[in-house]
Amino acid sequence: MAHCLDSIIDALDVETFVVAKDENEAKEVIKKIMTEMGLKDIDVVYCQHLGPGARVRARGYIFRAGDKYGWLKGADGK
């Protein structure tokens, strides 16, 4: 069975509210979460601190423009 991320064409976005003292801590938390999900190329695209935490959205790239796209491979892997 193929890895589930192989079905993603470009990126995976995650948006959540995390408990954090400021925006920097919230960014560190979301990056750690996405790294633990197996994503390596991560951008924080939105972060706003509100009271006890922050609303944060991050994008984990599976493929960026110009990459060798895994979803273009045939069943034989070529």
Protein backbone atom coordinates (compact mmCIF):
# COMPACT_ATOMS: atom_id res chain seq x y z
CA MET A 1 0.00 0.00 0.00
CA ALA A 2 1.32 3.44 -0.91
CA HIS A 3 2.04 6.02 1.77
CA CYS A 4 -1.06 8.19 2.32
CA LEU A 5 0.87 11.40 1.56
CA ASP A 6 1.58 10.06 -1.95
CA SER A 7 -2.01 10.96 -2.88
CA ILE A 8 -1.48 14.68 -2.15
CA ILE A 9 -0.79 16.79 -5.22
CA ASP A 10 0.87 19.78 -3.57
CA ALA A 11 0.56 20.50 0.15
CA LEU A 12 -1.28 19.70 3.36
CA ASP A 13 -2.70 22.61 5.39
CA VAL A 14 -3.39 22.35 9.11
CA GLU A 15 -5.29 25.04 11.01
CA THR A 16 -5.86 24.90 14.75
CA PHE A 17 -5.81 26.84 17.99
CA VAL A 18 -2.82 26.04 20.22
CA VAL A 19 -2.12 27.10 23.79
CA ALA A 20 0.91 29.38 23.62
CA LYS A 21 2.29 32.45 25.41
CA ASP A 22 2.93 34.27 22.11
CA GLU A 23 3.03 33.84 18.33
CA ASN A 24 6.60 32.56 18.30
CA GLU A 25 5.73 29.70 20.64
CA ALA A 26 2.62 28.89 18.57
CA LYS A 27 4.73 28.70 15.41
CA GLU A 28 7.19 26.36 17.12
CA VAL A 29 4.32 24.12 18.28
CA ILE A 30 2.66 23.83 14.85
CA LYS A 31 6.01 23.14 13.16
CA LYS A 32 6.70 20.38 15.69
CA ILE A 33 3.24 18.88 15.13
CA MET A 34 3.71 18.83 11.36
CA THR A 35 7.24 17.45 11.66
CA GLU A 36 5.87 14.62 13.81
CA MET A 37 3.34 13.97 11.02
CA GLY A 38 6.30 13.31 8.71
CA LEU A 39 6.35 16.65 6.89
CA LYS A 40 9.70 18.34 6.35
CA ASP A 41 9.04 21.43 4.19
CA ILE A 42 6.76 23.61 6.36
CA ASP A 43 5.61 27.24 6.17
CA VAL A 44 3.48 29.00 8.78
CA VAL A 45 1.00 30.96 6.66
CA TYR A 46 -1.07 32.55 9.44
CA CYS A 47 -0.65 33.13 13.16
CA GLN A 48 -2.63 35.40 15.49
CA HIS A 49 -2.25 35.34 19.27
CA LEU A 50 -5.61 35.55 21.09
CA GLY A 51 -5.75 35.27 24.88
CA PRO A 52 -4.46 31.88 26.04
CA GLY A 53 -3.08 30.83 22.67
CA ALA A 54 -2.97 31.42 18.96
CA ARG A 55 -4.93 30.58 15.84
CA VAL A 56 -2.28 29.17 13.54
CA ARG A 57 -2.29 27.72 10.02
CA ALA A 58 0.67 25.90 8.53
CA ARG A 59 1.32 24.33 5.15
CA GLY A 60 3.42 21.22 4.77
CA TYR A 61 4.62 20.84 1.22
CA ILE A 62 4.68 17.38 -0.28
CA PHE A 63 5.59 18.81 -3.70
CA ARG A 64 6.51 22.37 -4.63
CA ALA A 65 6.26 23.74 -8.15
CA GLY A 66 8.85 22.07 -10.37
CA ASP A 67 9.40 19.05 -8.13
CA LYS A 68 9.42 15.52 -9.50
CA TYR A 69 5.81 14.77 -8.68
CA GLY A 70 5.19 11.34 -7.19
CA TRP A 71 1.59 11.34 -8.39
CA LEU A 72 2.79 11.41 -12.03
CA LYS A 73 4.39 8.00 -11.62
CA GLY A 74 2.62 5.03 -13.08
CA ALA A 75 1.78 1.86 -11.25
CA ASP A 76 5.28 0.59 -12.07
CA GLY A 77 6.85 3.60 -10.24
CA LYS A 78 8.12 5.25 -13.46
